Amino acid sequence: MSSFSNKCSISQLITQISRHGYLCHMNIHIISVLPELMESPLNHSIIKRAQEKGLLTITLHALRKWAVNEYGQVDDYQYGGGAGMVMMCEPLENAILELKKENKFDEIIYLTPDGATLNQSIANGLSLKNNLLFICGHYKGIDQRIRDHYITKEISIGDYVLSGGETAAIVLVDAIGRLIPGVLNDETSALTDSFQDRLLAPPVYTRPADYHGWKVPDILLSGDLRKIEEWRYEQALKRTQERRPDMMDGEG
């Protein structure tokens, strides 16, 4: 298993990439009851580019391939009663074990509302992994025994409930895939995004310099790169203090 932490700051990210070399290729496998929900979002824009460049391979697996009977059953009623079905142990275990025969996964991640809330630090850390397996929850979730014995990390994309983990998996793939070295045309773009080093991004402007009398700040037109960077840092600090003071307190 990789020695990289699941959480790292942008300074740690740069240091680890420099020390260990560029990550040549990442494999992400996703197990889902409804893999077709992810096909379109994962085949456009930056994630499509990452795959075309040979830097990222995403493989979707239909859980029903490992169903317990000819009817494609992968869920059952929960013990103790109550509304909602639960994804069964046997199909999930069979899927995980079969995929593990051909892949040495750095993490087996379960997308669930009660997991650790995804943030930029977690995305930074996961972007340095080589092989990841995502399990998309559905119905009332997966049997706890799978979580206890196979899942290495549980991630939530927010304090709300979705119909399934597929949407969360798309978000996680996008968050980490764009950080793989070589994916973006200008890699420094990702390094200056919001939440890197606990700051929101500063305001940005493009042409024209004067639009309806709304003018771009003079400093950005000055050509003085040192002063421009100072201005951007001050604006990022100000925006973070105004909008997300919890980040400044170390709580975000």
C-alpha atoms as a PDB file:
ATOM      1  CA  MET A   1       0.000   0.000   0.000  1.00  0.00           C
ATOM      2  CA  SER A   2       1.205   3.524  -0.795  1.00  0.00           C
ATOM      3  CA  SER A   3       2.848   5.432   2.023  1.00  0.00           C
ATOM      4  CA  PHE A   4       1.058   8.650   1.104  1.00  0.00           C
ATOM      5  CA  SER A   5      -1.396  10.055   3.611  1.00  0.00           C
ATOM      6  CA  ASN A   6      -4.992  10.571   2.542  1.00  0.00           C
ATOM      7  CA  LYS A   7      -4.722  14.153   3.673  1.00  0.00           C
ATOM      8  CA  CYS A   8      -2.083  16.598   2.535  1.00  0.00           C
ATOM      9  CA  SER A   9      -1.684  20.307   1.948  1.00  0.00           C
ATOM     10  CA  ILE A  10      -0.583  21.795  -1.357  1.00  0.00           C
ATOM     11  CA  SER A  11       2.971  22.206  -0.039  1.00  0.00           C
ATOM     12  CA  GLN A  12       3.050  18.516   0.920  1.00  0.00           C
ATOM     13  CA  LEU A  13       1.576  17.603  -2.463  1.00  0.00           C
ATOM     14  CA  ILE A  14       4.364  19.408  -4.309  1.00  0.00           C
ATOM     15  CA  THR A  15       7.026  17.909  -2.029  1.00  0.00           C
ATOM     16  CA  GLN A  16       5.729  14.354  -2.466  1.00  0.00           C
ATOM     17  CA  ILE A  17       5.469  14.656  -6.252  1.00  0.00           C
ATOM     18  CA  SER A  18       9.029  16.001  -6.366  1.00  0.00           C
ATOM     19  CA  ARG A  19      10.342  13.260  -4.083  1.00  0.00           C
ATOM     20  CA  HIS A  20       8.561  10.296  -5.624  1.00  0.00           C
ATOM     21  CA  GLY A  21       8.310  11.440  -9.229  1.00  0.00           C
ATOM     22  CA  TYR A  22       5.238  12.040 -11.339  1.00  0.00           C
ATOM     23  CA  LEU A  23       2.390   9.569 -11.084  1.00  0.00           C
ATOM     24  CA  CYS A  24       2.356   7.960 -14.531  1.00  0.00           C
ATOM     25  CA  HIS A  25      -1.045   6.378 -14.408  1.00  0.00           C
ATOM     26  CA  MET A  26      -4.010   5.994 -12.062  1.00  0.00           C
ATOM     27  CA  ASN A  27      -6.588   3.203 -12.142  1.00  0.00           C
ATOM     28  CA  ILE A  28     -10.026   3.761 -10.643  1.00  0.00           C
ATOM     29  CA  HIS A  29     -12.524   0.911 -10.451  1.00  0.00           C
ATOM     30  CA  ILE A  30     -16.118   1.664  -9.452  1.00  0.00           C
ATOM     31  CA  ILE A  31     -18.670  -0.926  -8.322  1.00  0.00           C
ATOM     32  CA  SER A  32     -22.270   0.199  -8.701  1.00  0.00           C
ATOM     33  CA  VAL A  33     -25.819  -1.078  -9.014  1.00  0.00           C
ATOM     34  CA  LEU A  34     -26.350   1.499 -11.772  1.00  0.00           C
ATOM     35  CA  PRO A  35     -22.989   2.114 -13.493  1.00  0.00           C
ATOM     36  CA  GLU A  36     -24.701   3.617 -16.540  1.00  0.00           C
ATOM     37  CA  LEU A  37     -25.478   6.719 -14.446  1.00  0.00           C
ATOM     38  CA  MET A  38     -21.774   7.590 -14.507  1.00  0.00           C
ATOM     39  CA  GLU A  39     -20.924   6.916 -18.138  1.00  0.00           C
ATOM     40  CA  SER A  40     -21.631  10.369 -19.549  1.00  0.00           C
ATOM     41  CA  PRO A  41     -20.147  12.546 -16.753  1.00  0.00           C
ATOM     42  CA  LEU A  42     -16.930  10.505 -16.731  1.00  0.00           C
ATOM     43  CA  ASN A  43     -16.427  10.792 -20.491  1.00  0.00           C
ATOM     44  CA  HIS A  44     -16.344  14.547 -20.956  1.00  0.00           C
ATOM     45  CA  SER A  45     -14.143  17.551 -20.226  1.00  0.00           C
ATOM     46  CA  ILE A  46     -11.036  17.188 -18.056  1.00  0.00           C
ATOM     47  CA  ILE A  47     -11.682  13.590 -17.024  1.00  0.00           C
ATOM     48  CA  LYS A  48     -12.070  12.584 -20.668  1.00  0.00           C
ATOM     49  CA  ARG A  49      -8.781  14.347 -21.425  1.00  0.00           C
ATOM     50  CA  ALA A  50      -7.053  12.478 -18.591  1.00  0.00           C
ATOM     51  CA  GLN A  51      -8.173   9.166 -20.060  1.00  0.00           C
ATOM     52  CA  GLU A  52      -7.192  10.132 -23.601  1.00  0.00           C
ATOM     53  CA  LYS A  53      -3.715  11.082 -22.358  1.00  0.00           C
ATOM     54  CA  GLY A  54      -3.338   7.666 -20.784  1.00  0.00           C
ATOM     55  CA  LEU A  55      -3.038   9.133 -17.306  1.00  0.00           C
ATOM     56  CA  LEU A  56      -6.289   7.748 -15.922  1.00  0.00           C
ATOM     57  CA  THR A  57      -8.302   4.591 -16.516  1.00  0.00           C
ATOM     58  CA  ILE A  58     -11.835   4.342 -15.121  1.00  0.00           C
ATOM     59  CA  THR A  59     -13.539   0.964 -15.127  1.00  0.00           C
ATOM     60  CA  LEU A  60     -17.207   0.663 -14.179  1.00  0.00           C
ATOM     61  CA  HIS A  61     -18.475  -2.624 -12.780  1.00  0.00           C
ATOM     62  CA  ALA A  62     -22.137  -3.611 -12.540  1.00  0.00           C
ATOM     63  CA  LEU A  63     -22.678  -5.254  -9.145  1.00  0.00           C
ATOM     64  CA  ARG A  64     -25.365  -7.510 -10.604  1.00  0.00           C
ATOM     65  CA  LYS A  65     -22.589  -9.422 -12.371  1.00  0.00           C
ATOM     66  CA  TRP A  66     -21.982 -10.969  -8.947  1.00  0.00           C
ATOM     67  CA  ALA A  67     -25.668 -11.384  -8.025  1.00  0.00           C
ATOM     68  CA  VAL A  68     -26.657 -14.259  -5.755  1.00  0.00           C
ATOM     69  CA  ASN A  69     -29.252 -15.675  -8.169  1.00  0.00           C
ATOM     70  CA  GLU A  70     -30.454 -15.603 -11.778  1.00  0.00           C
ATOM     71  CA  TYR A  71     -32.787 -12.724 -10.979  1.00  0.00           C
ATOM     72  CA  GLY A  72     -29.864 -10.413 -10.347  1.00  0.00           C
ATOM     73  CA  GLN A  73     -30.517  -9.982  -6.629  1.00  0.00           C
ATOM     74  CA  VAL A  74     -27.954  -7.848  -4.797  1.00  0.00           C
ATOM     75  CA  ASP A  75     -30.087  -6.517  -1.924  1.00  0.00           C
ATOM     76  CA  ASP A  76     -32.377  -7.868   0.794  1.00  0.00           C
ATOM     77  CA  TYR A  77     -34.514  -6.779   3.760  1.00  0.00           C
ATOM     78  CA  GLN A  78     -32.652  -5.537   6.807  1.00  0.00           C
ATOM     79  CA  TYR A  79     -32.514  -7.547  10.010  1.00  0.00           C
ATOM     80  CA  GLY A  80     -34.558  -6.017  12.812  1.00  0.00           C
ATOM     81  CA  GLY A  81     -37.167  -4.642  10.462  1.00  0.00           C
ATOM     82  CA  GLY A  82     -37.508  -1.158   9.037  1.00  0.00           C
ATOM     83  CA  ALA A  83     -38.027   0.446   5.670  1.00  0.00           C
ATOM     84  CA  GLY A  84     -35.486   0.131   2.907  1.00  0.00           C
ATOM     85  CA  MET A  85     -33.317  -2.595   1.435  1.00  0.00           C
ATOM     86  CA  VAL A  86     -29.639  -3.304   2.180  1.00  0.00           C
ATOM     87  CA  MET A  87     -26.925  -4.289  -0.289  1.00  0.00           C
ATOM     88  CA  MET A  88     -25.898  -7.859   0.520  1.00  0.00           C
ATOM     89  CA  CYS A  89     -22.502  -9.147   1.634  1.00  0.00           C
ATOM     90  CA  GLU A  90     -22.037 -11.915  -0.919  1.00  0.00           C
ATOM     91  CA  PRO A  91     -22.227  -9.910  -4.177  1.00  0.00           C
ATOM     92  CA  LEU A  92     -20.016  -7.154  -2.772  1.00  0.00           C
ATOM     93  CA  GLU A  93     -17.431  -9.521  -1.351  1.00  0.00           C
ATOM     94  CA  ASN A  94     -17.281 -11.541  -4.566  1.00  0.00           C
ATOM     95  CA  ALA A  95     -16.827  -8.365  -6.593  1.00  0.00           C
ATOM     96  CA  ILE A  96     -14.095  -7.018  -4.310  1.00  0.00           C
ATOM     97  CA  LEU A  97     -12.192 -10.311  -4.169  1.00  0.00           C
ATOM     98  CA  GLU A  98     -12.313 -10.800  -7.936  1.00  0.00           C
ATOM     99  CA  LEU A  99     -11.038  -7.288  -8.604  1.00  0.00           C
ATOM    100  CA  LYS A 100      -8.321  -7.640  -5.963  1.00  0.00           C
ATOM    101  CA  LYS A 101      -6.888 -10.623  -7.842  1.00  0.00           C
ATOM    102  CA  GLU A 102      -5.779  -8.301 -10.631  1.00  0.00           C
ATOM    103  CA  ASN A 103      -5.309  -5.032  -8.731  1.00  0.00           C
ATOM    104  CA  LYS A 104      -3.407  -4.027  -5.631  1.00  0.00           C
ATOM    105  CA  PHE A 105      -5.717  -1.311  -4.352  1.00  0.00           C
ATOM    106  CA  ASP A 106      -4.247   1.502  -2.276  1.00  0.00           C
ATOM    107  CA  GLU A 107      -7.715   2.275  -0.931  1.00  0.00           C
ATOM    108  CA  ILE A 108     -11.157   0.672  -1.084  1.00  0.00           C
ATOM    109  CA  ILE A 109     -13.491   3.619  -0.646  1.00  0.00           C
ATOM    110  CA  TYR A 110     -17.159   3.488   0.266  1.00  0.00           C
ATOM    111  CA  LEU A 111     -19.191   6.561  -0.751  1.00  0.00           C
ATOM    112  CA  THR A 112     -21.616   7.148   2.112  1.00  0.00           C
ATOM    113  CA  PRO A 113     -23.280  10.147   3.820  1.00  0.00           C
ATOM    114  CA  ASP A 114     -21.748   9.173   7.170  1.00  0.00           C
ATOM    115  CA  GLY A 115     -18.173   9.084   5.879  1.00  0.00           C
ATOM    116  CA  ALA A 116     -15.463  11.710   6.289  1.00  0.00           C
ATOM    117  CA  THR A 117     -16.458  14.888   4.459  1.00  0.00           C
ATOM    118  CA  LEU A 118     -14.470  15.278   1.250  1.00  0.00           C
ATOM    119  CA  ASN A 119     -12.156  18.272   1.211  1.00  0.00           C
ATOM    120  CA  GLN A 120      -9.198  19.458  -0.852  1.00  0.00           C
ATOM    121  CA  SER A 121      -6.673  17.894   1.486  1.00  0.00           C
ATOM    122  CA  ILE A 122      -8.221  14.441   1.040  1.00  0.00           C
ATOM    123  CA  ALA A 123      -8.359  14.950  -2.737  1.00  0.00           C
ATOM    124  CA  ASN A 124      -4.681  15.932  -2.775  1.00  0.00           C
ATOM    125  CA  GLY A 125      -3.711  12.771  -0.939  1.00  0.00           C
ATOM    126  CA  LEU A 126      -5.813  10.444  -3.080  1.00  0.00           C
ATOM    127  CA  SER A 127      -4.444  11.979  -6.291  1.00  0.00           C
ATOM    128  CA  LEU A 128      -1.064  10.459  -5.393  1.00  0.00           C
ATOM    129  CA  LYS A 129      -2.413   6.917  -5.270  1.00  0.00           C
ATOM    130  CA  ASN A 130      -2.099   4.419  -8.110  1.00  0.00           C
ATOM    131  CA  ASN A 131      -5.099   2.124  -7.701  1.00  0.00           C
ATOM    132  CA  LEU A 132      -8.438   2.975  -6.127  1.00  0.00           C
ATOM    133  CA  LEU A 133     -11.674   1.029  -5.764  1.00  0.00           C
ATOM    134  CA  PHE A 134     -14.948   2.885  -5.113  1.00  0.00           C
ATOM    135  CA  ILE A 135     -18.079   1.218  -3.772  1.00  0.00           C
ATOM    136  CA  CYS A 136     -21.282   3.130  -4.513  1.00  0.00           C
ATOM    137  CA  GLY A 137     -23.929   2.688  -1.858  1.00  0.00           C
ATOM    138  CA  HIS A 138     -27.585   2.325  -2.794  1.00  0.00           C
ATOM    139  CA  TYR A 139     -30.904   1.718  -1.041  1.00  0.00           C
ATOM    140  CA  LYS A 140     -30.173   1.926   2.727  1.00  0.00           C
ATOM    141  CA  GLY A 141     -26.492   1.264   2.148  1.00  0.00           C
ATOM    142  CA  ILE A 142     -24.259  -1.796   2.335  1.00  0.00           C
ATOM    143  CA  ASP A 143     -24.104  -4.542   4.962  1.00  0.00           C
ATOM    144  CA  GLN A 144     -21.943  -3.319   7.844  1.00  0.00           C
ATOM    145  CA  ARG A 145     -19.764  -6.427   7.674  1.00  0.00           C
ATOM    146  CA  ILE A 146     -18.382  -5.336   4.310  1.00  0.00           C
ATOM    147  CA  ARG A 147     -17.540  -1.976   5.835  1.00  0.00           C
ATOM    148  CA  ASP A 148     -15.844  -3.650   8.771  1.00  0.00           C
ATOM    149  CA  HIS A 149     -13.702  -6.088   6.783  1.00  0.00           C
ATOM    150  CA  TYR A 150     -12.998  -4.580   3.360  1.00  0.00           C
ATOM    151  CA  ILE A 151     -13.481  -0.805   3.310  1.00  0.00           C
ATOM    152  CA  THR A 152     -10.355   1.217   4.078  1.00  0.00           C
ATOM    153  CA  LYS A 153     -11.873   4.687   3.799  1.00  0.00           C
ATOM    154  CA  GLU A 154     -15.391   6.129   3.845  1.00  0.00           C
ATOM    155  CA  ILE A 155     -16.113   9.452   2.140  1.00  0.00           C
ATOM    156  CA  SER A 156     -19.129  11.762   2.028  1.00  0.00           C
ATOM    157  CA  ILE A 157     -19.539  14.736  -0.306  1.00  0.00           C
ATOM    158  CA  GLY A 158     -21.789  16.599   2.123  1.00  0.00           C
ATOM    159  CA  ASP A 159     -24.391  16.439   4.850  1.00  0.00           C
ATOM    160  CA  TYR A 160     -27.293  15.329   2.692  1.00  0.00           C
ATOM    161  CA  VAL A 161     -28.592  12.067   1.235  1.00  0.00           C
ATOM    162  CA  LEU A 162     -28.580  11.137  -2.456  1.00  0.00           C
ATOM    163  CA  SER A 163     -30.346   8.275  -4.192  1.00  0.00           C
ATOM    164  CA  GLY A 164     -27.042   6.466  -4.532  1.00  0.00           C
ATOM    165  CA  GLY A 165     -23.277   6.832  -4.331  1.00  0.00           C
ATOM    166  CA  GLU A 166     -22.858   7.248  -8.083  1.00  0.00           C
ATOM    167  CA  THR A 167     -23.076  11.041  -7.969  1.00  0.00           C
ATOM    168  CA  ALA A 168     -20.580  11.125  -5.119  1.00  0.00           C
ATOM    169  CA  ALA A 169     -18.226   8.862  -7.076  1.00  0.00           C
ATOM    170  CA  ILE A 170     -18.350  11.265 -10.035  1.00  0.00           C
ATOM    171  CA  VAL A 171     -17.473  14.166  -7.739  1.00  0.00           C
ATOM    172  CA  LEU A 172     -14.579  12.260  -6.179  1.00  0.00           C
ATOM    173  CA  VAL A 173     -13.164  11.156  -9.545  1.00  0.00           C
ATOM    174  CA  ASP A 174     -13.270  14.751 -10.793  1.00  0.00           C
ATOM    175  CA  ALA A 175     -11.709  16.165  -7.616  1.00  0.00           C
ATOM    176  CA  ILE A 176      -8.721  13.827  -7.699  1.00  0.00           C
ATOM    177  CA  GLY A 177      -8.406  13.211 -11.437  1.00  0.00           C
ATOM    178  CA  ARG A 178      -7.715  16.854 -12.270  1.00  0.00           C
ATOM    179  CA  LEU A 179      -4.794  16.828  -9.832  1.00  0.00           C
ATOM    180  CA  ILE A 180      -2.904  14.045 -11.611  1.00  0.00           C
ATOM    181  CA  PRO A 181       0.243  15.632 -13.077  1.00  0.00           C
ATOM    182  CA  GLY A 182      -0.171  16.167 -16.808  1.00  0.00           C
ATOM    183  CA  VAL A 183      -3.977  16.211 -16.838  1.00  0.00           C
ATOM    184  CA  LEU A 184      -4.362  19.998 -16.910  1.00  0.00           C
ATOM    185  CA  ASN A 185      -2.637  21.981 -19.641  1.00  0.00           C
ATOM    186  CA  ASP A 186      -1.316  24.314 -16.948  1.00  0.00           C
ATOM    187  CA  GLU A 187      -0.709  22.305 -13.786  1.00  0.00           C
ATOM    188  CA  THR A 188      -0.325  25.447 -11.686  1.00  0.00           C
ATOM    189  CA  SER A 189      -4.054  26.039 -12.205  1.00  0.00           C
ATOM    190  CA  ALA A 190      -4.947  23.224  -9.806  1.00  0.00           C
ATOM    191  CA  LEU A 191      -2.340  24.402  -7.316  1.00  0.00           C
ATOM    192  CA  THR A 192      -4.035  27.793  -7.009  1.00  0.00           C
ATOM    193  CA  ASP A 193      -7.621  26.577  -6.646  1.00  0.00           C
ATOM    194  CA  SER A 194      -9.824  27.390  -3.693  1.00  0.00           C
ATOM    195  CA  PHE A 195      -9.096  25.368  -0.531  1.00  0.00           C
ATOM    196  CA  GLN A 196      -5.442  24.765  -1.399  1.00  0.00           C
ATOM    197  CA  ASP A 197      -3.525  25.779   1.735  1.00  0.00           C
ATOM    198  CA  ARG A 198      -6.834  26.660   3.425  1.00  0.00           C
ATOM    199  CA  LEU A 199      -7.659  29.744   1.348  1.00  0.00           C
ATOM    200  CA  LEU A 200     -10.425  30.540  -1.130  1.00  0.00           C
ATOM    201  CA  ALA A 201      -9.277  31.650  -4.559  1.00  0.00           C
ATOM    202  CA  PRO A 202      -8.985  35.406  -5.210  1.00  0.00           C
ATOM    203  CA  PRO A 203     -11.182  37.261  -7.739  1.00  0.00           C
ATOM    204  CA  VAL A 204     -10.304  36.703 -11.402  1.00  0.00           C
ATOM    205  CA  TYR A 205     -10.832  38.917 -14.452  1.00  0.00           C
ATOM    206  CA  THR A 206     -10.436  38.698 -18.241  1.00  0.00           C
ATOM    207  CA  ARG A 207     -10.864  40.998 -21.257  1.00  0.00           C
ATOM    208  CA  PRO A 208     -12.125  43.625 -21.768  1.00  0.00           C
ATOM    209  CA  ALA A 209     -10.416  45.702 -19.100  1.00  0.00           C
ATOM    210  CA  ASP A 210     -13.390  48.066 -19.016  1.00  0.00           C
ATOM    211  CA  TYR A 211     -16.883  46.592 -19.380  1.00  0.00           C
ATOM    212  CA  HIS A 212     -19.854  48.934 -18.878  1.00  0.00           C
ATOM    213  CA  GLY A 213     -17.542  51.033 -16.739  1.00  0.00           C
ATOM    214  CA  TRP A 214     -16.724  48.051 -14.527  1.00  0.00           C
ATOM    215  CA  LYS A 215     -12.937  48.127 -14.496  1.00  0.00           C
ATOM    216  CA  VAL A 216     -10.327  45.489 -13.794  1.00  0.00           C
ATOM    217  CA  PRO A 217      -8.134  46.462 -10.796  1.00  0.00           C
ATOM    218  CA  ASP A 218      -5.132  48.461 -11.998  1.00  0.00           C
ATOM    219  CA  ILE A 219      -2.656  46.180 -10.268  1.00  0.00           C
ATOM    220  CA  LEU A 220      -3.575  43.304 -12.607  1.00  0.00           C
ATOM    221  CA  LEU A 221      -2.692  45.437 -15.611  1.00  0.00           C
ATOM    222  CA  SER A 222       0.603  46.658 -14.161  1.00  0.00           C
ATOM    223  CA  GLY A 223       2.824  43.799 -15.272  1.00  0.00           C
ATOM    224  CA  ASP A 224       4.474  43.725 -11.845  1.00  0.00           C
ATOM    225  CA  LEU A 225       4.263  39.996 -11.056  1.00  0.00           C
ATOM    226  CA  ARG A 226       5.473  40.318  -7.469  1.00  0.00           C
ATOM    227  CA  LYS A 227       2.852  42.930  -6.613  1.00  0.00           C
ATOM    228  CA  ILE A 228       0.171  40.988  -8.464  1.00  0.00           C
ATOM    229  CA  GLU A 229       0.911  37.883  -6.398  1.00  0.00           C
ATOM    230  CA  GLU A 230       0.819  39.943  -3.205  1.00  0.00           C
ATOM    231  CA  TRP A 231      -2.547  41.402  -4.238  1.00  0.00           C
ATOM    232  CA  ARG A 232      -3.936  37.956  -5.013  1.00  0.00           C
ATOM    233  CA  TYR A 233      -2.828  36.605  -1.652  1.00  0.00           C
ATOM    234  CA  GLU A 234      -4.380  39.575   0.165  1.00  0.00           C
ATOM    235  CA  GLN A 235      -7.639  39.125  -1.750  1.00  0.00           C
ATOM    236  CA  ALA A 236      -7.679  35.373  -1.045  1.00  0.00           C
ATOM    237  CA  LEU A 237      -7.106  36.065   2.641  1.00  0.00           C
ATOM    238  CA  LYS A 238      -9.852  38.694   2.715  1.00  0.00           C
ATOM    239  CA  ARG A 239     -12.350  36.498   0.876  1.00  0.00           C
ATOM    240  CA  THR A 240     -11.640  33.560   3.175  1.00  0.00           C
ATOM    241  CA  GLN A 241     -12.030  35.695   6.298  1.00  0.00           C
ATOM    242  CA  GLU A 242     -15.344  37.070   5.021  1.00  0.00           C
ATOM    243  CA  ARG A 243     -16.891  33.890   3.618  1.00  0.00           C
ATOM    244  CA  ARG A 244     -15.236  30.982   5.414  1.00  0.00           C
ATOM    245  CA  PRO A 245     -13.746  32.156   8.706  1.00  0.00           C
ATOM    246  CA  ASP A 246     -13.916  28.543   9.911  1.00  0.00           C
ATOM    247  CA  MET A 247     -11.071  27.743   7.516  1.00  0.00           C
ATOM    248  CA  MET A 248      -8.910  30.364   9.189  1.00  0.00           C
ATOM    249  CA  ASP A 249      -9.679  28.785  12.569  1.00  0.00           C
ATOM    250  CA  GLY A 250      -8.549  25.376  11.379  1.00  0.00           C
ATOM    251  CA  GLU A 251     -12.056  23.914  11.518  1.00  0.00           C
ATOM    252  CA  GLY A 252     -12.831  23.571   7.810  1.00  0.00           C
END
